[in-house]
Amino acid sequence: MAQDPTGDQRPPNHQRAHTTVCTTCRGRIDTTQWYPIRTEVIDETVRLRPFCCDRCLAVWEVETSTE
C-alpha cells in the first residue's frame, strides 16, 4: 500500500472522495466549472478559500475586512 505524506494507508490507485464547499454558505461547489477563490496566509499557513459564487465571495470580503 502507498503511504501519503499525512500517513494515510491506501491502495496505490485509490482516489479520495473530496467535496469542495463554499467558505461562506457551506454549499457544494461544482469544481468542473469556474469558481472564485482567495488565498489567505495566517501564521505562515496558506489557506485556499473557495466560494460558490461572487456574492458569497463579496460577503466574506466584507466580513474579513472588518476584523
PDB file of N, CA and C in Angstrom:
ATOM      1  N   MET A   1       0.833  -1.189   0.000  1.00  0.00           N
ATOM      2  CA  MET A   1       0.000   0.000   0.000  1.00  0.00           C
ATOM      3  C   MET A   1       0.874   1.247   0.000  1.00  0.00           C
ATOM      4  N   ALA A   2       0.391   2.285  -0.656  1.00  0.00           N
ATOM      5  CA  ALA A   2       1.106   3.557  -0.676  1.00  0.00           C
ATOM      6  C   ALA A   2       0.793   4.344   0.586  1.00  0.00           C
ATOM      7  N   GLN A   3       1.746   5.140   0.989  1.00  0.00           N
ATOM      8  CA  GLN A   3       1.505   5.992   2.149  1.00  0.00           C
ATOM      9  C   GLN A   3       1.679   7.427   1.710  1.00  0.00           C
ATOM     10  N   ASP A   4       0.662   8.256   1.983  1.00  0.00           N
ATOM     11  CA  ASP A   4       0.773   9.657   1.601  1.00  0.00           C
ATOM     12  C   ASP A   4       1.453  10.430   2.725  1.00  0.00           C
ATOM     13  N   PRO A   5       1.801  11.708   2.483  1.00  0.00           N
ATOM     14  CA  PRO A   5       2.525  12.498   3.481  1.00  0.00           C
ATOM     15  C   PRO A   5       1.804  12.644   4.825  1.00  0.00           C
ATOM     16  N   THR A   6       0.493  12.472   4.851  1.00  0.00           N
ATOM     17  CA  THR A   6      -0.240  12.596   6.109  1.00  0.00           C
ATOM     18  C   THR A   6      -0.245  11.290   6.890  1.00  0.00           C
ATOM     19  N   GLY A   7       0.311  10.226   6.310  1.00  0.00           N
ATOM     20  CA  GLY A   7       0.380   8.946   6.989  1.00  0.00           C
ATOM     21  C   GLY A   7      -0.784   8.020   6.694  1.00  0.00           C
ATOM     22  N   ASP A   8      -1.700   8.405   5.825  1.00  0.00           N
ATOM     23  CA  ASP A   8      -2.843   7.555   5.495  1.00  0.00           C
ATOM     24  C   ASP A   8      -2.392   6.353   4.676  1.00  0.00           C
ATOM     25  N   GLN A   9      -2.915   5.196   5.016  1.00  0.00           N
ATOM     26  CA  GLN A   9      -2.651   3.987   4.248  1.00  0.00           C
ATOM     27  C   GLN A   9      -3.777   3.817   3.234  1.00  0.00           C
ATOM     28  N   ARG A  10      -3.436   3.539   1.982  1.00  0.00           N
ATOM     29  CA  ARG A  10      -4.457   3.345   0.962  1.00  0.00           C
ATOM     30  C   ARG A  10      -3.887   2.541  -0.189  1.00  0.00           C
ATOM     31  N   PRO A  11      -4.740   1.866  -0.946  1.00  0.00           N
ATOM     32  CA  PRO A  11      -4.269   1.127  -2.126  1.00  0.00           C
ATOM     33  C   PRO A  11      -3.632   2.089  -3.130  1.00  0.00           C
ATOM     34  N   PRO A  12      -2.676   1.622  -3.971  1.00  0.00           N
ATOM     35  CA  PRO A  12      -1.962   2.508  -4.906  1.00  0.00           C
ATOM     36  C   PRO A  12      -2.849   3.305  -5.851  1.00  0.00           C
ATOM     37  N   ASN A  13      -3.967   2.764  -6.346  1.00  0.00           N
ATOM     38  CA  ASN A  13      -4.804   3.510  -7.287  1.00  0.00           C
ATOM     39  C   ASN A  13      -6.077   4.033  -6.636  1.00  0.00           C
ATOM     40  N   HIS A  14      -6.053   4.205  -5.340  1.00  0.00           N
ATOM     41  CA  HIS A  14      -7.206   4.756  -4.617  1.00  0.00           C
ATOM     42  C   HIS A  14      -7.271   6.268  -4.835  1.00  0.00           C
ATOM     43  N   GLN A  15      -8.464   6.764  -5.091  1.00  0.00           N
ATOM     44  CA  GLN A  15      -8.656   8.211  -5.183  1.00  0.00           C
ATOM     45  C   GLN A  15      -9.574   8.630  -4.050  1.00  0.00           C
ATOM     46  N   ARG A  16      -9.200   9.674  -3.368  1.00  0.00           N
ATOM     47  CA  ARG A  16     -10.019  10.162  -2.273  1.00  0.00           C
ATOM     48  C   ARG A  16     -11.229  10.908  -2.805  1.00  0.00           C
ATOM     49  N   ALA A  17     -12.355  10.674  -2.154  1.00  0.00           N
ATOM     50  CA  ALA A  17     -13.541  11.461  -2.479  1.00  0.00           C
ATOM     51  C   ALA A  17     -13.373  12.805  -1.782  1.00  0.00           C
ATOM     52  N   HIS A  18     -13.509  13.864  -2.521  1.00  0.00           N
ATOM     53  CA  HIS A  18     -13.318  15.192  -1.942  1.00  0.00           C
ATOM     54  C   HIS A  18     -14.425  16.112  -2.438  1.00  0.00           C
ATOM     55  N   THR A  19     -15.073  16.741  -1.517  1.00  0.00           N
ATOM     56  CA  THR A  19     -16.113  17.694  -1.865  1.00  0.00           C
ATOM     57  C   THR A  19     -15.640  19.078  -1.461  1.00  0.00           C
ATOM     58  N   THR A  20     -15.655  19.999  -2.408  1.00  0.00           N
ATOM     59  CA  THR A  20     -15.287  21.372  -2.114  1.00  0.00           C
ATOM     60  C   THR A  20     -16.544  22.125  -1.717  1.00  0.00           C
ATOM     61  N   VAL A  21     -16.474  22.826  -0.589  1.00  0.00           N
ATOM     62  CA  VAL A  21     -17.627  23.580  -0.107  1.00  0.00           C
ATOM     63  C   VAL A  21     -17.281  25.058   0.002  1.00  0.00           C
ATOM     64  N   CYS A  22     -18.296  25.880  -0.144  1.00  0.00           N
ATOM     65  CA  CYS A  22     -18.149  27.330  -0.089  1.00  0.00           C
ATOM     66  C   CYS A  22     -17.757  27.768   1.324  1.00  0.00           C
ATOM     67  N   THR A  23     -16.797  28.657   1.409  1.00  0.00           N
ATOM     68  CA  THR A  23     -16.334  29.191   2.685  1.00  0.00           C
ATOM     69  C   THR A  23     -17.450  29.935   3.401  1.00  0.00           C
ATOM     70  N   THR A  24     -18.335  30.596   2.675  1.00  0.00           N
ATOM     71  CA  THR A  24     -19.380  31.424   3.279  1.00  0.00           C
ATOM     72  C   THR A  24     -20.638  30.633   3.614  1.00  0.00           C
ATOM     73  N   CYS A  25     -21.218  29.953   2.632  1.00  0.00           N
ATOM     74  CA  CYS A  25     -22.528  29.316   2.852  1.00  0.00           C
ATOM     75  C   CYS A  25     -22.439  27.806   3.065  1.00  0.00           C
ATOM     76  N   ARG A  26     -21.247  27.229   2.903  1.00  0.00           N
ATOM     77  CA  ARG A  26     -21.019  25.787   3.064  1.00  0.00           C
ATOM     78  C   ARG A  26     -21.711  24.934   1.998  1.00  0.00           C
ATOM     79  N   GLY A  27     -22.201  25.577   0.934  1.00  0.00           N
ATOM     80  CA  GLY A  27     -22.810  24.837  -0.173  1.00  0.00           C
ATOM     81  C   GLY A  27     -21.739  24.137  -1.000  1.00  0.00           C
ATOM     82  N   ARG A  28     -22.125  23.048  -1.655  1.00  0.00           N
ATOM     83  CA  ARG A  28     -21.196  22.312  -2.518  1.00  0.00           C
ATOM     84  C   ARG A  28     -20.815  23.138  -3.733  1.00  0.00           C
ATOM     85  N   ILE A  29     -19.574  22.974  -4.185  1.00  0.00           N
ATOM     86  CA  ILE A  29     -19.078  23.676  -5.362  1.00  0.00           C
ATOM     87  C   ILE A  29     -18.786  22.656  -6.452  1.00  0.00           C
ATOM     88  N   ASP A  30     -19.297  22.921  -7.645  1.00  0.00           N
ATOM     89  CA  ASP A  30     -19.008  22.086  -8.810  1.00  0.00           C
ATOM     90  C   ASP A  30     -17.627  22.485  -9.318  1.00  0.00           C
ATOM     91  N   THR A  31     -16.627  21.685  -9.007  1.00  0.00           N
ATOM     92  CA  THR A  31     -15.255  22.034  -9.363  1.00  0.00           C
ATOM     93  C   THR A  31     -14.920  21.803 -10.831  1.00  0.00           C
ATOM     94  N   THR A  32     -15.897  21.300 -11.604  1.00  0.00           N
ATOM     95  CA  THR A  32     -15.672  21.185 -13.044  1.00  0.00           C
ATOM     96  C   THR A  32     -15.946  22.512 -13.738  1.00  0.00           C
ATOM     97  N   GLN A  33     -16.502  23.466 -12.993  1.00  0.00           N
ATOM     98  CA  GLN A  33     -16.798  24.800 -13.503  1.00  0.00           C
ATOM     99  C   GLN A  33     -15.924  25.823 -12.766  1.00  0.00           C
ATOM    100  N   TRP A  34     -15.770  27.007 -13.363  1.00  0.00           N
ATOM    101  CA  TRP A  34     -15.012  28.068 -12.711  1.00  0.00           C
ATOM    102  C   TRP A  34     -15.709  28.476 -11.427  1.00  0.00           C
ATOM    103  N   TYR A  35     -14.932  28.792 -10.404  1.00  0.00           N
ATOM    104  CA  TYR A  35     -15.482  29.330  -9.159  1.00  0.00           C
ATOM    105  C   TYR A  35     -14.431  30.248  -8.534  1.00  0.00           C
ATOM    106  N   PRO A  36     -14.891  31.303  -7.828  1.00  0.00           N
ATOM    107  CA  PRO A  36     -13.941  32.236  -7.219  1.00  0.00           C
ATOM    108  C   PRO A  36     -13.214  31.594  -6.034  1.00  0.00           C
ATOM    109  N   ILE A  37     -11.977  32.011  -5.848  1.00  0.00           N
ATOM    110  CA  ILE A  37     -11.167  31.503  -4.737  1.00  0.00           C
ATOM    111  C   ILE A  37     -10.228  32.606  -4.274  1.00  0.00           C
ATOM    112  N   ARG A  38      -9.949  32.642  -3.000  1.00  0.00           N
ATOM    113  CA  ARG A  38      -8.995  33.593  -2.445  1.00  0.00           C
ATOM    114  C   ARG A  38      -7.961  32.816  -1.639  1.00  0.00           C
ATOM    115  N   THR A  39      -6.762  33.347  -1.584  1.00  0.00           N
ATOM    116  CA  THR A  39      -5.692  32.750  -0.797  1.00  0.00           C
ATOM    117  C   THR A  39      -5.489  33.612   0.436  1.00  0.00           C
ATOM    118  N   GLU A  40      -5.387  32.962   1.574  1.00  0.00           N
ATOM    119  CA  GLU A  40      -5.210  33.661   2.841  1.00  0.00           C
ATOM    120  C   GLU A  40      -3.995  33.048   3.538  1.00  0.00           C
ATOM    121  N   VAL A  41      -3.120  33.890   4.095  1.00  0.00           N
ATOM    122  CA  VAL A  41      -1.961  33.393   4.836  1.00  0.00           C
ATOM    123  C   VAL A  41      -2.136  33.808   6.288  1.00  0.00           C
ATOM    124  N   ILE A  42      -2.185  32.798   7.165  1.00  0.00           N
ATOM    125  CA  ILE A  42      -2.345  33.037   8.598  1.00  0.00           C
ATOM    126  C   ILE A  42      -1.225  32.281   9.307  1.00  0.00           C
ATOM    127  N   ASP A  43      -0.399  33.013  10.046  1.00  0.00           N
ATOM    128  CA  ASP A  43       0.712  32.392  10.779  1.00  0.00           C
ATOM    129  C   ASP A  43       1.533  31.464   9.883  1.00  0.00           C
ATOM    130  N   GLU A  44       1.897  31.949   8.717  1.00  0.00           N
ATOM    131  CA  GLU A  44       2.709  31.225   7.741  1.00  0.00           C
ATOM    132  C   GLU A  44       2.032  29.980   7.169  1.00  0.00           C
ATOM    133  N   THR A  45       0.719  29.844   7.359  1.00  0.00           N
ATOM    134  CA  THR A  45      -0.046  28.745   6.784  1.00  0.00           C
ATOM    135  C   THR A  45      -0.909  29.297   5.661  1.00  0.00           C
ATOM    136  N   VAL A  46      -0.772  28.708   4.468  1.00  0.00           N
ATOM    137  CA  VAL A  46      -1.557  29.145   3.312  1.00  0.00           C
ATOM    138  C   VAL A  46      -2.887  28.401   3.323  1.00  0.00           C
ATOM    139  N   ARG A  47      -3.973  29.155   3.202  1.00  0.00           N
ATOM    140  CA  ARG A  47      -5.310  28.565   3.158  1.00  0.00           C
ATOM    141  C   ARG A  47      -6.018  29.042   1.894  1.00  0.00           C
ATOM    142  N   LEU A  48      -6.587  28.102   1.172  1.00  0.00           N
ATOM    143  CA  LEU A  48      -7.375  28.441  -0.003  1.00  0.00           C
ATOM    144  C   LEU A  48      -8.827  28.537   0.419  1.00  0.00           C
ATOM    145  N   ARG A  49      -9.466  29.630   0.072  1.00  0.00           N
ATOM    146  CA  ARG A  49     -10.858  29.875   0.430  1.00  0.00           C
ATOM    147  C   ARG A  49     -11.703  29.838  -0.838  1.00  0.00           C
ATOM    148  N   PRO A  50     -12.397  28.727  -1.095  1.00  0.00           N
ATOM    149  CA  PRO A  50     -13.248  28.637  -2.285  1.00  0.00           C
ATOM    150  C   PRO A  50     -14.648  29.195  -2.010  1.00  0.00           C
ATOM    151  N   PHE A  51     -15.289  29.706  -3.043  1.00  0.00           N
ATOM    152  CA  PHE A  51     -16.633  30.281  -2.935  1.00  0.00           C
ATOM    153  C   PHE A  51     -17.495  29.763  -4.080  1.00  0.00           C
ATOM    154  N   CYS A  52     -18.783  29.579  -3.800  1.00  0.00           N
ATOM    155  CA  CYS A  52     -19.689  29.053  -4.821  1.00  0.00           C
ATOM    156  C   CYS A  52     -20.099  30.120  -5.831  1.00  0.00           C
ATOM    157  N   CYS A  53     -19.993  31.401  -5.443  1.00  0.00           N
ATOM    158  CA  CYS A  53     -20.402  32.483  -6.344  1.00  0.00           C
ATOM    159  C   CYS A  53     -19.754  33.789  -5.904  1.00  0.00           C
ATOM    160  N   ASP A  54     -19.841  34.787  -6.757  1.00  0.00           N
ATOM    161  CA  ASP A  54     -19.277  36.104  -6.441  1.00  0.00           C
ATOM    162  C   ASP A  54     -19.953  36.742  -5.232  1.00  0.00           C
ATOM    163  N   ARG A  55     -21.229  36.463  -5.026  1.00  0.00           N
ATOM    164  CA  ARG A  55     -21.956  37.030  -3.883  1.00  0.00           C
ATOM    165  C   ARG A  55     -21.363  36.527  -2.558  1.00  0.00           C
ATOM    166  N   CYS A  56     -21.119  35.219  -2.467  1.00  0.00           N
ATOM    167  CA  CYS A  56     -20.517  34.664  -1.246  1.00  0.00           C
ATOM    168  C   CYS A  56     -19.101  35.211  -1.045  1.00  0.00           C
ATOM    169  N   LEU A  57     -18.364  35.380  -2.127  1.00  0.00           N
ATOM    170  CA  LEU A  57     -17.035  35.984  -2.035  1.00  0.00           C
ATOM    171  C   LEU A  57     -17.135  37.393  -1.466  1.00  0.00           C
ATOM    172  N   ALA A  58     -18.077  38.183  -1.972  1.00  0.00           N
ATOM    173  CA  ALA A  58     -18.250  39.565  -1.504  1.00  0.00           C
ATOM    174  C   ALA A  58     -18.610  39.613  -0.021  1.00  0.00           C
ATOM    175  N   VAL A  59     -19.475  38.711   0.418  1.00  0.00           N
ATOM    176  CA  VAL A  59     -19.852  38.651   1.835  1.00  0.00           C
ATOM    177  C   VAL A  59     -18.617  38.354   2.683  1.00  0.00           C
ATOM    178  N   TRP A  60     -17.820  37.383   2.278  1.00  0.00           N
ATOM    179  CA  TRP A  60     -16.607  37.018   3.011  1.00  0.00           C
ATOM    180  C   TRP A  60     -15.627  38.187   3.061  1.00  0.00           C
ATOM    181  N   GLU A  61     -15.479  38.884   1.926  1.00  0.00           N
ATOM    182  CA  GLU A  61     -14.544  40.018   1.885  1.00  0.00           C
ATOM    183  C   GLU A  61     -14.976  41.126   2.845  1.00  0.00           C
ATOM    184  N   VAL A  62     -16.293  41.393   2.934  1.00  0.00           N
ATOM    185  CA  VAL A  62     -16.789  42.400   3.869  1.00  0.00           C
ATOM    186  C   VAL A  62     -16.549  41.953   5.310  1.00  0.00           C
ATOM    187  N   GLU A  63     -16.859  40.690   5.593  1.00  0.00           N
ATOM    188  CA  GLU A  63     -16.677  40.174   6.957  1.00  0.00           C
ATOM    189  C   GLU A  63     -15.223  40.175   7.390  1.00  0.00           C
ATOM    190  N   THR A  64     -14.312  39.824   6.498  1.00  0.00           N
ATOM    191  CA  THR A  64     -12.904  39.755   6.870  1.00  0.00           C
ATOM    192  C   THR A  64     -12.217  41.112   6.853  1.00  0.00           C
ATOM    193  N   SER A  65     -12.788  42.080   6.161  1.00  0.00           N
ATOM    194  CA  SER A  65     -12.173  43.412   6.118  1.00  0.00           C
ATOM    195  C   SER A  65     -12.420  44.191   7.404  1.00  0.00           C
ATOM    196  N   THR A  66     -13.399  43.779   8.190  1.00  0.00           N
ATOM    197  CA  THR A  66     -13.708  44.485   9.434  1.00  0.00           C
ATOM    198  C   THR A  66     -12.991  43.881  10.635  1.00  0.00           C
ATOM    199  N   GLU A  67     -12.222  42.820  10.417  1.00  0.00           N
ATOM    200  CA  GLU A  67     -11.507  42.169  11.534  1.00  0.00           C
ATOM    201  C   GLU A  67     -10.241  42.894  11.869  1.00  0.00           C
TER     202      GLU A  67
END
